Structures are given as C-alpha cells and as structure tokens.
C-alpha cells in the first residue's frame, strides 16, 4: 500500500520513487523490467535547465531523493562501505542492497533531490551564480514533470551529502579511485505536471 508522508504530491512520489523501487525490486528478484529498461531509467535522468552568464542551458544529470539530515551521516557511511569495502558482486546484488539499505521511504526527505556535478561547464557556472534550476523529467510516451528548485552546492571534502552521493555513484561506477565531485541539493519549490494527459499540460501541482 502506497502512503504519503509529505506535501509533495502523490503523483510525483509515485513517478520518482515508487515506480523506481518497483523496477529495482524486479531486478533484485532476477525478473525482467515490466517495460523497456531504458525508458524506465529516464525517471532518474532529468534535463537540468539553468540560466546565467553561461547562457540558457540544459544538461542531463542523474538524480535521486536523499535522506533526511538526521540520517545523512549514517547513509554516507553505508554507501562508502558498499562502494569501497564490501562491493556487490553483480547488478542483482547491487539492487538488493539498494532496497535493503537505502530505499527506505520513511528516511527519505521528499522535498529535496540530490545529484553530482561532473562537467563543470554551463550548469556549474549558472547554478553558482543564481542558485536556481529546473529539473525537466520526461518518460515517453506521455509523462513529464517540471520541478523548479533552489540549489545548494556542497563542496567541502567531509560534507555528508557530498560523501553519500559520490559513494552511491561509485557503488555502480567505481574505477579504482574514489569520486569527489561537488554535490547539488535541489530544494523543490514548485512542480508542474507537463504530461500529455487531461491532468497535465503545465498544470501546477505543488505547492
């Protein structure tokens, strides 16, 4: 049973969290995705739209919800443990660890989204200047959300958000050297349903 514990609307939580968890659960059980895996993956990779001296820009970045502040140190330690000390052997084991250790809705702050800066070009320049961005999600054929945000940049070496997001990245993509990218924390300000449905076409759904 899906429940809501946040003022962020249920339709977006379903899209960005529960539907992602459903895919991970199937992979953990050794089952194929219900639909096209690459299509489903678009839930994690919005276009980050920014403006500033680097011009009006759009950049695809991988993002996800992050835990509440009171849990972030614990989550950073767990992510580092699985990224660098006890790495999962394969994708199935990885997805099972994600479900058990990280995808716990009661510990996730539904009002913020985390990501990393790896390119250091237009988005980096613009966000540092303005502290604002829009995340544009599109999952073909019909579903789209426009999420307008203020943005904090976490650059300090010991910052737990930076540690967590880099280690989570390295659980999947570890190259033998720890990632140390700056972390973005996107604070959700507004959400619009831009889907090609009777309830969409730019309808504001939050706040």
N, C-alpha and C. Protein backbone atom coordinates (compact mmCIF):
# COMPACT_ATOMS: atom_id res chain seq x y z
N UNK A 1 0.84 -1.20 0.00
CA UNK A 1 0.00 0.00 0.00
C UNK A 1 0.88 1.25 0.00
N UNK A 2 0.68 2.12 -0.94
CA UNK A 2 1.46 3.33 -1.03
C UNK A 2 0.86 4.39 -0.12
N UNK A 3 1.70 4.99 0.73
CA UNK A 3 1.24 6.04 1.62
C UNK A 3 2.06 7.28 1.38
N UNK A 4 1.52 8.44 1.81
CA UNK A 4 2.21 9.70 1.64
C UNK A 4 2.49 10.31 3.00
N UNK A 5 3.70 10.81 3.20
CA UNK A 5 4.06 11.47 4.43
C UNK A 5 4.67 12.84 4.14
N UNK A 6 4.35 13.38 2.98
CA UNK A 6 4.93 14.66 2.56
C UNK A 6 3.88 15.42 1.78
N UNK A 7 4.05 16.75 1.74
CA UNK A 7 3.13 17.56 0.95
C UNK A 7 3.46 17.51 -0.54
N UNK A 8 4.62 16.95 -0.88
CA UNK A 8 4.91 16.72 -2.30
C UNK A 8 3.83 15.79 -2.84
N UNK A 9 3.22 16.08 -3.98
CA UNK A 9 2.05 15.32 -4.43
C UNK A 9 2.35 13.86 -4.73
N UNK A 10 1.36 13.03 -4.45
CA UNK A 10 1.47 11.58 -4.62
C UNK A 10 1.87 11.21 -6.04
N UNK A 11 1.36 11.91 -7.04
CA UNK A 11 1.63 11.53 -8.43
C UNK A 11 3.13 11.64 -8.73
N UNK A 12 3.81 12.62 -8.14
CA UNK A 12 5.24 12.76 -8.37
C UNK A 12 6.04 11.75 -7.55
N UNK A 13 5.62 11.49 -6.31
CA UNK A 13 6.30 10.47 -5.49
C UNK A 13 6.20 9.10 -6.16
N UNK A 14 5.03 8.79 -6.71
CA UNK A 14 4.86 7.52 -7.42
C UNK A 14 5.85 7.43 -8.58
N UNK A 15 5.92 8.51 -9.35
CA UNK A 15 6.77 8.53 -10.54
C UNK A 15 8.25 8.43 -10.19
N UNK A 16 8.67 9.24 -9.22
CA UNK A 16 10.10 9.40 -8.96
C UNK A 16 10.64 8.40 -7.95
N UNK A 17 9.76 7.86 -7.10
CA UNK A 17 10.23 6.94 -6.06
C UNK A 17 9.64 5.53 -6.22
N UNK A 18 8.32 5.39 -6.10
CA UNK A 18 7.73 4.05 -6.07
C UNK A 18 7.93 3.28 -7.37
N UNK A 19 7.78 3.95 -8.50
CA UNK A 19 7.97 3.24 -9.76
C UNK A 19 9.44 2.84 -9.96
N UNK A 20 10.35 3.65 -9.44
CA UNK A 20 11.77 3.29 -9.47
C UNK A 20 12.03 2.09 -8.56
N UNK A 21 11.42 2.10 -7.38
CA UNK A 21 11.59 0.98 -6.45
C UNK A 21 11.03 -0.31 -7.05
N UNK A 22 9.90 -0.21 -7.73
CA UNK A 22 9.32 -1.40 -8.36
C UNK A 22 10.29 -2.02 -9.36
N UNK A 23 10.97 -1.19 -10.14
CA UNK A 23 11.96 -1.69 -11.10
C UNK A 23 13.12 -2.36 -10.36
N UNK A 24 13.62 -1.73 -9.30
CA UNK A 24 14.73 -2.29 -8.55
C UNK A 24 14.33 -3.61 -7.89
N UNK A 25 13.10 -3.70 -7.40
CA UNK A 25 12.63 -4.94 -6.79
C UNK A 25 12.63 -6.08 -7.81
N UNK A 26 12.20 -5.80 -9.02
CA UNK A 26 12.18 -6.84 -10.04
C UNK A 26 13.60 -7.30 -10.38
N UNK A 27 14.53 -6.35 -10.48
CA UNK A 27 15.91 -6.71 -10.78
C UNK A 27 16.53 -7.51 -9.63
N UNK A 28 16.19 -7.14 -8.40
CA UNK A 28 16.69 -7.88 -7.23
C UNK A 28 16.18 -9.32 -7.25
N UNK A 29 14.96 -9.53 -7.71
CA UNK A 29 14.38 -10.87 -7.77
C UNK A 29 14.79 -11.64 -9.02
N UNK A 30 15.58 -11.01 -9.87
CA UNK A 30 16.00 -11.67 -11.10
C UNK A 30 14.96 -11.65 -12.19
N UNK A 31 14.00 -10.74 -12.08
CA UNK A 31 12.93 -10.63 -13.07
C UNK A 31 13.23 -9.49 -14.04
N UNK A 32 12.76 -9.59 -15.27
CA UNK A 32 12.97 -8.50 -16.22
C UNK A 32 12.07 -7.32 -15.89
N UNK A 33 12.44 -6.11 -16.31
CA UNK A 33 11.56 -4.95 -16.12
C UNK A 33 10.23 -5.18 -16.82
N UNK A 34 9.17 -4.56 -16.31
CA UNK A 34 7.86 -4.69 -16.94
C UNK A 34 7.85 -4.06 -18.33
N UNK A 35 8.57 -2.96 -18.47
CA UNK A 35 8.64 -2.28 -19.75
C UNK A 35 10.07 -2.20 -20.24
N UNK A 36 10.32 -1.24 -21.10
CA UNK A 36 11.65 -1.02 -21.64
C UNK A 36 12.55 -0.42 -20.54
N UNK A 37 13.66 -1.09 -20.24
CA UNK A 37 14.52 -0.65 -19.14
C UNK A 37 15.03 0.77 -19.37
N UNK A 38 15.44 1.09 -20.57
CA UNK A 38 15.99 2.41 -20.85
C UNK A 38 14.93 3.49 -20.70
N UNK A 39 13.70 3.17 -21.08
CA UNK A 39 12.60 4.12 -20.90
C UNK A 39 12.37 4.36 -19.41
N UNK A 40 12.34 3.27 -18.63
CA UNK A 40 12.13 3.39 -17.19
C UNK A 40 13.25 4.19 -16.53
N UNK A 41 14.44 4.09 -17.05
CA UNK A 41 15.60 4.75 -16.47
C UNK A 41 15.51 6.27 -16.56
N UNK A 42 14.66 6.79 -17.47
CA UNK A 42 14.53 8.24 -17.62
C UNK A 42 14.01 8.91 -16.35
N UNK A 43 13.41 8.15 -15.44
CA UNK A 43 12.95 8.72 -14.17
C UNK A 43 14.10 9.26 -13.34
N UNK A 44 15.31 8.80 -13.63
CA UNK A 44 16.48 9.20 -12.85
C UNK A 44 17.32 10.26 -13.55
N UNK A 45 16.99 10.61 -14.79
CA UNK A 45 17.88 11.46 -15.58
C UNK A 45 17.15 12.65 -16.21
N UNK A 46 16.73 13.62 -15.40
CA UNK A 46 16.09 14.80 -15.97
C UNK A 46 17.08 15.71 -16.68
N UNK A 47 16.56 16.59 -17.48
CA UNK A 47 17.36 17.70 -18.01
C UNK A 47 17.37 18.80 -16.96
N UNK A 48 18.55 19.22 -16.55
CA UNK A 48 18.70 20.31 -15.59
C UNK A 48 18.84 21.60 -16.37
N UNK A 49 17.83 22.45 -16.26
CA UNK A 49 17.77 23.69 -17.02
C UNK A 49 18.22 24.84 -16.13
N UNK A 50 19.17 25.64 -16.61
CA UNK A 50 19.69 26.76 -15.84
C UNK A 50 19.84 27.98 -16.74
N UNK A 51 20.07 29.12 -16.08
CA UNK A 51 20.35 30.35 -16.81
C UNK A 51 21.42 31.12 -16.05
N UNK A 52 22.12 32.01 -16.77
CA UNK A 52 23.17 32.81 -16.16
C UNK A 52 24.15 33.25 -17.22
N UNK A 53 25.37 33.57 -16.80
CA UNK A 53 26.36 34.08 -17.76
C UNK A 53 26.79 33.03 -18.77
N UNK A 54 26.56 31.73 -18.45
CA UNK A 54 26.87 30.67 -19.42
C UNK A 54 25.74 30.47 -20.41
N UNK A 55 24.69 31.29 -20.32
CA UNK A 55 23.57 31.20 -21.24
C UNK A 55 22.48 30.28 -20.73
N UNK A 56 21.36 30.29 -21.41
CA UNK A 56 20.27 29.36 -21.09
C UNK A 56 20.72 27.96 -21.48
N UNK A 57 20.67 27.02 -20.52
CA UNK A 57 21.34 25.73 -20.71
C UNK A 57 20.46 24.58 -20.26
N UNK A 58 20.68 23.43 -20.88
CA UNK A 58 20.04 22.19 -20.45
C UNK A 58 21.04 21.05 -20.44
N UNK A 59 21.12 20.31 -19.34
CA UNK A 59 22.11 19.25 -19.19
C UNK A 59 21.46 18.05 -18.49
N UNK A 60 21.62 16.87 -19.07
CA UNK A 60 21.07 15.65 -18.46
C UNK A 60 21.97 15.23 -17.29
N UNK A 61 21.36 15.02 -16.12
CA UNK A 61 22.09 14.57 -14.94
C UNK A 61 21.30 13.49 -14.23
N UNK A 62 22.01 12.56 -13.59
CA UNK A 62 21.34 11.54 -12.79
C UNK A 62 21.09 12.09 -11.39
N UNK A 63 19.86 11.91 -10.90
CA UNK A 63 19.48 12.46 -9.60
C UNK A 63 18.64 11.45 -8.83
N UNK A 64 18.46 11.74 -7.54
CA UNK A 64 17.60 10.91 -6.71
C UNK A 64 17.30 11.60 -5.40
N UNK A 65 16.28 11.12 -4.70
CA UNK A 65 15.99 11.63 -3.37
C UNK A 65 17.16 11.32 -2.44
N UNK A 66 17.31 12.10 -1.39
CA UNK A 66 18.34 11.86 -0.38
C UNK A 66 17.67 11.77 0.99
N UNK A 67 18.35 11.17 1.98
CA UNK A 67 17.73 11.02 3.30
C UNK A 67 17.63 12.35 4.05
N UNK A 68 16.80 12.34 5.09
CA UNK A 68 16.73 13.49 5.98
C UNK A 68 18.10 13.77 6.58
N UNK A 69 18.29 15.03 6.98
CA UNK A 69 19.58 15.44 7.53
C UNK A 69 20.02 14.55 8.70
N UNK A 70 19.10 14.12 9.53
CA UNK A 70 19.48 13.33 10.70
C UNK A 70 20.00 11.94 10.33
N UNK A 71 19.76 11.51 9.09
CA UNK A 71 20.24 10.19 8.65
C UNK A 71 21.42 10.25 7.69
N UNK A 72 21.81 11.46 7.25
CA UNK A 72 22.74 11.53 6.13
C UNK A 72 24.12 10.99 6.49
N UNK A 73 24.59 11.18 7.72
CA UNK A 73 25.90 10.64 8.09
C UNK A 73 25.89 9.12 8.04
N UNK A 74 24.82 8.52 8.55
CA UNK A 74 24.68 7.06 8.52
C UNK A 74 24.64 6.56 7.08
N UNK A 75 23.91 7.25 6.21
CA UNK A 75 23.79 6.82 4.82
C UNK A 75 25.13 6.99 4.09
N UNK A 76 25.86 8.04 4.41
CA UNK A 76 27.17 8.25 3.78
C UNK A 76 28.11 7.11 4.15
N UNK A 77 28.11 6.71 5.42
CA UNK A 77 28.97 5.61 5.88
C UNK A 77 28.59 4.29 5.20
N UNK A 78 27.28 4.03 5.09
CA UNK A 78 26.84 2.79 4.44
C UNK A 78 27.22 2.78 2.96
N UNK A 79 27.02 3.91 2.30
CA UNK A 79 27.35 3.97 0.87
C UNK A 79 28.85 3.77 0.66
N UNK A 80 29.66 4.36 1.51
CA UNK A 80 31.11 4.18 1.39
C UNK A 80 31.52 2.73 1.68
N UNK A 81 30.84 2.09 2.61
CA UNK A 81 31.13 0.69 2.91
C UNK A 81 30.91 -0.19 1.68
N UNK A 82 29.76 -0.01 1.01
CA UNK A 82 29.45 -0.85 -0.15
C UNK A 82 30.21 -0.42 -1.41
N UNK A 83 30.61 0.84 -1.47
CA UNK A 83 31.35 1.30 -2.65
C UNK A 83 32.82 0.90 -2.60
N UNK A 84 33.42 0.89 -1.39
CA UNK A 84 34.87 0.75 -1.31
C UNK A 84 35.37 -0.43 -0.48
N UNK A 85 34.52 -1.00 0.39
CA UNK A 85 34.99 -2.06 1.27
C UNK A 85 34.35 -3.41 1.00
N UNK A 86 33.09 -3.43 0.70
CA UNK A 86 32.37 -4.69 0.50
C UNK A 86 31.48 -4.57 -0.73
N UNK A 87 32.12 -4.44 -1.88
CA UNK A 87 31.39 -4.15 -3.10
C UNK A 87 30.49 -5.32 -3.52
N UNK A 88 29.28 -5.02 -3.98
CA UNK A 88 28.42 -6.09 -4.50
C UNK A 88 29.05 -6.74 -5.73
N UNK A 89 28.74 -8.01 -5.93
CA UNK A 89 29.39 -8.80 -6.98
C UNK A 89 28.78 -8.58 -8.36
N UNK A 90 27.51 -8.19 -8.40
CA UNK A 90 26.83 -8.06 -9.68
C UNK A 90 25.64 -7.12 -9.52
N UNK A 91 24.93 -6.88 -10.62
CA UNK A 91 23.81 -5.94 -10.59
C UNK A 91 22.68 -6.42 -9.69
N UNK A 92 22.42 -7.72 -9.70
CA UNK A 92 21.34 -8.22 -8.86
C UNK A 92 21.65 -7.97 -7.38
N UNK A 93 22.87 -8.25 -6.96
CA UNK A 93 23.24 -8.00 -5.57
C UNK A 93 23.19 -6.51 -5.26
N UNK A 94 23.60 -5.69 -6.22
CA UNK A 94 23.56 -4.24 -6.03
C UNK A 94 22.14 -3.75 -5.78
N UNK A 95 21.20 -4.21 -6.59
CA UNK A 95 19.82 -3.75 -6.42
C UNK A 95 19.23 -4.22 -5.10
N UNK A 96 19.59 -5.41 -4.66
CA UNK A 96 19.09 -5.90 -3.36
C UNK A 96 19.63 -5.05 -2.22
N UNK A 97 20.89 -4.63 -2.32
CA UNK A 97 21.47 -3.76 -1.30
C UNK A 97 20.77 -2.40 -1.30
N UNK A 98 20.50 -1.87 -2.47
CA UNK A 98 19.79 -0.59 -2.55
C UNK A 98 18.45 -0.66 -1.84
N UNK A 99 17.70 -1.72 -2.07
CA UNK A 99 16.40 -1.88 -1.43
C UNK A 99 16.51 -1.98 0.08
N UNK A 100 17.46 -2.77 0.54
CA UNK A 100 17.59 -3.03 1.97
C UNK A 100 18.15 -1.84 2.73
N UNK A 101 19.16 -1.19 2.16
CA UNK A 101 19.92 -0.20 2.91
C UNK A 101 19.55 1.26 2.62
N UNK A 102 19.04 1.55 1.42
CA UNK A 102 18.90 2.95 1.03
C UNK A 102 17.48 3.38 0.68
N UNK A 103 16.70 2.51 0.07
CA UNK A 103 15.35 2.90 -0.36
C UNK A 103 14.34 2.62 0.76
N UNK A 104 14.42 3.43 1.80
CA UNK A 104 13.52 3.34 2.95
C UNK A 104 12.77 4.66 3.01
N UNK A 105 11.52 4.66 2.57
CA UNK A 105 10.78 5.91 2.35
C UNK A 105 10.71 6.77 3.60
N UNK A 106 10.56 6.17 4.76
CA UNK A 106 10.42 6.94 5.99
C UNK A 106 11.67 7.76 6.31
N UNK A 107 12.80 7.39 5.72
CA UNK A 107 14.05 8.10 5.98
C UNK A 107 14.41 9.07 4.87
N UNK A 108 13.60 9.13 3.84
CA UNK A 108 13.92 9.97 2.68
C UNK A 108 13.19 11.31 2.77
N UNK A 109 13.92 12.37 2.52
CA UNK A 109 13.35 13.72 2.51
C UNK A 109 12.77 13.96 1.11
N UNK A 110 11.44 13.95 1.03
CA UNK A 110 10.79 14.07 -0.27
C UNK A 110 10.83 15.49 -0.85
N UNK A 111 11.35 16.45 -0.09
CA UNK A 111 11.38 17.83 -0.56
C UNK A 111 12.69 18.21 -1.23
N UNK A 112 13.69 17.30 -1.22
CA UNK A 112 14.98 17.61 -1.84
C UNK A 112 15.43 16.46 -2.73
N UNK A 113 16.23 16.81 -3.73
CA UNK A 113 16.77 15.86 -4.70
C UNK A 113 18.27 16.12 -4.80
N UNK A 114 19.05 15.05 -4.87
CA UNK A 114 20.50 15.19 -4.94
C UNK A 114 21.09 14.75 -6.26
N UNK A 115 22.20 15.36 -6.64
CA UNK A 115 22.93 14.98 -7.85
C UNK A 115 24.35 15.46 -7.77
N UNK A 116 25.17 15.09 -8.74
CA UNK A 116 26.58 15.46 -8.78
C UNK A 116 26.89 16.31 -10.00
N UNK A 117 27.89 17.17 -9.86
CA UNK A 117 28.38 17.95 -11.00
C UNK A 117 29.66 17.31 -11.52
N UNK A 118 29.62 16.83 -12.76
CA UNK A 118 30.78 16.16 -13.34
C UNK A 118 31.36 16.91 -14.54
N UNK A 119 30.61 17.85 -15.10
CA UNK A 119 31.05 18.51 -16.32
C UNK A 119 31.71 19.86 -16.12
N UNK A 120 31.28 20.61 -15.09
CA UNK A 120 31.85 21.90 -14.73
C UNK A 120 31.82 22.90 -15.88
N UNK A 121 30.69 22.91 -16.59
CA UNK A 121 30.55 23.87 -17.68
C UNK A 121 29.33 24.76 -17.43
N UNK A 122 28.33 24.70 -18.29
CA UNK A 122 27.23 25.67 -18.24
C UNK A 122 26.43 25.58 -16.93
N UNK A 123 26.00 24.37 -16.56
CA UNK A 123 25.21 24.24 -15.33
C UNK A 123 25.99 24.72 -14.12
N UNK A 124 27.26 24.34 -14.04
CA UNK A 124 28.12 24.71 -12.92
C UNK A 124 28.22 26.23 -12.80
N UNK A 125 28.48 26.89 -13.90
CA UNK A 125 28.59 28.34 -13.88
C UNK A 125 27.28 28.99 -13.47
N UNK A 126 26.19 28.56 -14.08
CA UNK A 126 24.90 29.20 -13.84
C UNK A 126 24.38 28.95 -12.42
N UNK A 127 24.50 27.73 -11.94
CA UNK A 127 23.98 27.44 -10.59
C UNK A 127 24.79 28.17 -9.54
N UNK A 128 26.09 28.27 -9.73
CA UNK A 128 26.91 29.03 -8.78
C UNK A 128 26.51 30.51 -8.75
N UNK A 129 26.04 31.02 -9.87
CA UNK A 129 25.63 32.43 -9.93
C UNK A 129 24.23 32.66 -9.37
N UNK A 130 23.30 31.77 -9.71
CA UNK A 130 21.89 32.04 -9.41
C UNK A 130 21.31 31.20 -8.28
N UNK A 131 21.86 30.01 -8.04
CA UNK A 131 21.29 29.12 -7.04
C UNK A 131 19.92 28.60 -7.42
N UNK A 132 19.64 28.51 -8.72
CA UNK A 132 18.32 28.05 -9.17
C UNK A 132 18.47 27.11 -10.36
N UNK A 133 17.50 26.21 -10.51
CA UNK A 133 17.46 25.30 -11.66
C UNK A 133 16.07 24.71 -11.78
N UNK A 134 15.76 24.24 -12.97
CA UNK A 134 14.53 23.48 -13.21
C UNK A 134 14.92 22.09 -13.69
N UNK A 135 14.34 21.06 -13.05
CA UNK A 135 14.55 19.68 -13.49
C UNK A 135 13.37 19.29 -14.35
N UNK A 136 13.65 18.96 -15.61
CA UNK A 136 12.59 18.56 -16.54
C UNK A 136 12.68 17.06 -16.78
N UNK A 137 11.71 16.32 -16.25
CA UNK A 137 11.62 14.87 -16.41
C UNK A 137 10.71 14.55 -17.59
N UNK A 138 11.12 13.56 -18.38
CA UNK A 138 10.26 13.09 -19.48
C UNK A 138 10.46 11.59 -19.63
N UNK A 139 9.39 10.84 -19.45
CA UNK A 139 9.38 9.40 -19.68
C UNK A 139 8.38 9.12 -20.79
N UNK A 140 8.86 8.77 -21.99
CA UNK A 140 7.96 8.53 -23.11
C UNK A 140 6.96 7.42 -22.81
N UNK A 141 5.75 7.50 -23.39
CA UNK A 141 5.38 8.49 -24.41
C UNK A 141 4.70 9.75 -23.87
N UNK A 142 4.23 9.73 -22.62
CA UNK A 142 3.35 10.80 -22.18
C UNK A 142 3.77 11.56 -20.93
N UNK A 143 4.58 10.98 -20.07
CA UNK A 143 4.76 11.51 -18.72
C UNK A 143 5.89 12.52 -18.64
N UNK A 144 5.60 13.68 -18.04
CA UNK A 144 6.61 14.72 -17.89
C UNK A 144 6.30 15.58 -16.67
N UNK A 145 7.35 15.95 -15.93
CA UNK A 145 7.21 16.85 -14.79
C UNK A 145 8.28 17.92 -14.86
N UNK A 146 7.87 19.14 -14.52
CA UNK A 146 8.78 20.28 -14.44
C UNK A 146 8.93 20.63 -12.96
N UNK A 147 10.13 20.48 -12.42
CA UNK A 147 10.38 20.67 -10.99
C UNK A 147 11.31 21.87 -10.82
N UNK A 148 10.79 22.97 -10.32
CA UNK A 148 11.56 24.19 -10.15
C UNK A 148 12.18 24.19 -8.76
N UNK A 149 13.48 24.54 -8.68
CA UNK A 149 14.23 24.36 -7.44
C UNK A 149 15.15 25.53 -7.14
N UNK A 150 15.43 25.69 -5.86
CA UNK A 150 16.63 26.41 -5.44
C UNK A 150 17.70 25.35 -5.21
N UNK A 151 18.97 25.74 -5.32
CA UNK A 151 20.04 24.74 -5.32
C UNK A 151 21.16 25.16 -4.36
N UNK A 152 21.56 24.22 -3.50
CA UNK A 152 22.76 24.37 -2.69
C UNK A 152 23.87 23.52 -3.30
N UNK A 153 25.09 24.02 -3.25
CA UNK A 153 26.26 23.27 -3.71
C UNK A 153 27.08 22.86 -2.50
N UNK A 154 27.36 21.56 -2.40
CA UNK A 154 28.14 21.02 -1.29
C UNK A 154 29.51 20.61 -1.82
N UNK A 155 30.54 21.39 -1.43
CA UNK A 155 31.88 21.19 -1.99
C UNK A 155 32.91 20.73 -0.97
N UNK A 156 32.61 20.85 0.32
CA UNK A 156 33.59 20.50 1.34
C UNK A 156 33.87 19.00 1.32
N UNK A 157 35.12 18.63 1.53
CA UNK A 157 35.53 17.22 1.46
C UNK A 157 34.74 16.33 2.41
N UNK A 158 34.50 16.78 3.63
CA UNK A 158 33.82 15.94 4.61
C UNK A 158 32.32 16.10 4.65
N UNK A 159 31.77 16.88 3.74
CA UNK A 159 30.32 17.11 3.73
C UNK A 159 29.59 15.79 3.52
N UNK A 160 28.63 15.44 4.39
CA UNK A 160 27.99 14.13 4.28
C UNK A 160 27.15 13.94 3.02
N UNK A 161 26.52 15.00 2.53
CA UNK A 161 25.76 14.88 1.28
C UNK A 161 26.72 14.57 0.13
N UNK A 162 27.84 15.27 0.08
CA UNK A 162 28.82 15.01 -0.97
C UNK A 162 29.37 13.59 -0.85
N UNK A 163 29.70 13.16 0.36
CA UNK A 163 30.21 11.80 0.58
C UNK A 163 29.18 10.77 0.13
N UNK A 164 27.94 10.97 0.53
CA UNK A 164 26.88 9.99 0.20
C UNK A 164 26.67 9.87 -1.30
N UNK A 165 26.51 11.00 -1.98
CA UNK A 165 26.19 10.96 -3.40
C UNK A 165 27.36 10.43 -4.23
N UNK A 166 28.58 10.76 -3.85
CA UNK A 166 29.74 10.22 -4.57
C UNK A 166 29.89 8.72 -4.34
N UNK A 167 29.71 8.27 -3.10
CA UNK A 167 29.83 6.84 -2.83
C UNK A 167 28.71 6.06 -3.50
N UNK A 168 27.48 6.61 -3.51
CA UNK A 168 26.39 5.92 -4.18
C UNK A 168 26.70 5.79 -5.68
N UNK A 169 27.25 6.82 -6.27
CA UNK A 169 27.69 6.75 -7.67
C UNK A 169 28.72 5.64 -7.85
N UNK A 170 29.66 5.54 -6.90
CA UNK A 170 30.75 4.59 -7.04
C UNK A 170 30.32 3.14 -6.77
N UNK A 171 29.20 2.94 -6.11
CA UNK A 171 28.68 1.58 -5.99
C UNK A 171 28.47 0.99 -7.38
N UNK A 172 28.08 1.83 -8.32
CA UNK A 172 27.84 1.40 -9.70
C UNK A 172 29.06 1.59 -10.60
N UNK A 173 29.81 2.66 -10.39
CA UNK A 173 30.79 3.08 -11.40
C UNK A 173 32.20 3.24 -10.84
N UNK A 174 32.55 2.50 -9.82
CA UNK A 174 33.88 2.65 -9.21
C UNK A 174 34.97 2.25 -10.19
N UNK A 175 35.97 3.14 -10.35
CA UNK A 175 37.05 2.90 -11.30
C UNK A 175 38.38 2.58 -10.61
N UNK A 176 38.34 2.39 -9.29
CA UNK A 176 39.56 2.19 -8.54
C UNK A 176 40.01 3.45 -7.82
N UNK A 177 39.34 4.55 -8.12
CA UNK A 177 39.63 5.83 -7.48
C UNK A 177 38.32 6.46 -7.04
N UNK A 178 38.28 6.89 -5.77
CA UNK A 178 37.04 7.47 -5.25
C UNK A 178 36.63 8.73 -6.02
N UNK A 179 35.34 8.82 -6.32
CA UNK A 179 34.81 10.05 -6.91
C UNK A 179 34.80 11.15 -5.85
N UNK A 180 34.96 12.37 -6.28
CA UNK A 180 34.94 13.50 -5.34
C UNK A 180 34.30 14.73 -5.99
N UNK A 181 33.19 14.51 -6.67
CA UNK A 181 32.50 15.60 -7.36
C UNK A 181 31.71 16.46 -6.38
N UNK A 182 31.55 17.75 -6.67
CA UNK A 182 30.63 18.57 -5.88
C UNK A 182 29.21 18.03 -5.99
N UNK A 183 28.46 18.19 -4.91
CA UNK A 183 27.08 17.70 -4.89
C UNK A 183 26.10 18.86 -4.96
N UNK A 184 25.04 18.65 -5.73
CA UNK A 184 23.92 19.58 -5.75
C UNK A 184 22.80 19.04 -4.86
N UNK A 185 22.21 19.92 -4.06
CA UNK A 185 20.97 19.59 -3.36
C UNK A 185 19.90 20.53 -3.90
N UNK A 186 18.97 19.95 -4.64
CA UNK A 186 17.87 20.70 -5.26
C UNK A 186 16.68 20.73 -4.29
N UNK A 187 16.31 21.91 -3.82
CA UNK A 187 15.17 22.08 -2.92
C UNK A 187 13.93 22.37 -3.78
N UNK A 188 12.95 21.49 -3.73
CA UNK A 188 11.77 21.64 -4.58
C UNK A 188 10.95 22.85 -4.15
N UNK A 189 10.69 23.74 -5.10
CA UNK A 189 9.89 24.94 -4.86
C UNK A 189 8.52 24.80 -5.51
N UNK A 190 8.49 24.34 -6.75
CA UNK A 190 7.23 24.16 -7.49
C UNK A 190 7.33 22.91 -8.35
N UNK A 191 6.19 22.27 -8.59
CA UNK A 191 6.12 21.15 -9.51
C UNK A 191 4.95 21.37 -10.46
N UNK A 192 5.20 21.15 -11.75
CA UNK A 192 4.15 21.23 -12.77
C UNK A 192 4.05 19.87 -13.46
N UNK A 193 2.83 19.44 -13.69
CA UNK A 193 2.59 18.22 -14.46
C UNK A 193 2.51 18.62 -15.93
N UNK A 194 3.54 18.29 -16.68
CA UNK A 194 3.60 18.64 -18.10
C UNK A 194 3.23 17.46 -19.00
N UNK A 195 2.63 16.43 -18.41
CA UNK A 195 2.32 15.22 -19.16
C UNK A 195 1.26 15.49 -20.22
N UNK A 196 1.28 14.63 -21.23
CA UNK A 196 0.30 14.71 -22.32
C UNK A 196 -0.97 13.98 -21.89
N UNK A 197 -1.60 14.50 -20.85
CA UNK A 197 -2.83 13.91 -20.31
C UNK A 197 -3.81 15.02 -19.96
N UNK A 198 -5.03 14.65 -19.64
CA UNK A 198 -6.04 15.65 -19.28
C UNK A 198 -5.68 16.37 -18.00
N UNK A 199 -4.84 15.75 -17.14
CA UNK A 199 -4.43 16.37 -15.89
C UNK A 199 -3.11 17.12 -16.00
N UNK A 200 -2.50 17.10 -17.19
CA UNK A 200 -1.19 17.70 -17.37
C UNK A 200 -1.19 19.00 -18.13
N UNK A 201 -0.32 19.10 -19.13
CA UNK A 201 -0.17 20.29 -19.96
C UNK A 201 0.16 21.53 -19.13
N UNK A 202 1.11 21.37 -18.19
CA UNK A 202 1.59 22.53 -17.44
C UNK A 202 0.79 22.87 -16.21
N UNK A 203 -0.03 21.94 -15.72
CA UNK A 203 -0.83 22.22 -14.51
C UNK A 203 0.07 22.20 -13.28
N UNK A 204 -0.03 23.26 -12.48
CA UNK A 204 0.76 23.34 -11.25
C UNK A 204 0.17 22.39 -10.21
N UNK A 205 1.02 21.50 -9.67
CA UNK A 205 0.53 20.54 -8.67
C UNK A 205 1.20 20.71 -7.31
N UNK A 206 2.19 21.60 -7.21
CA UNK A 206 2.83 21.86 -5.93
C UNK A 206 3.48 23.24 -5.97
N UNK A 207 3.38 24.11 -4.94
CA UNK A 207 2.57 23.85 -3.74
C UNK A 207 1.10 24.13 -4.03
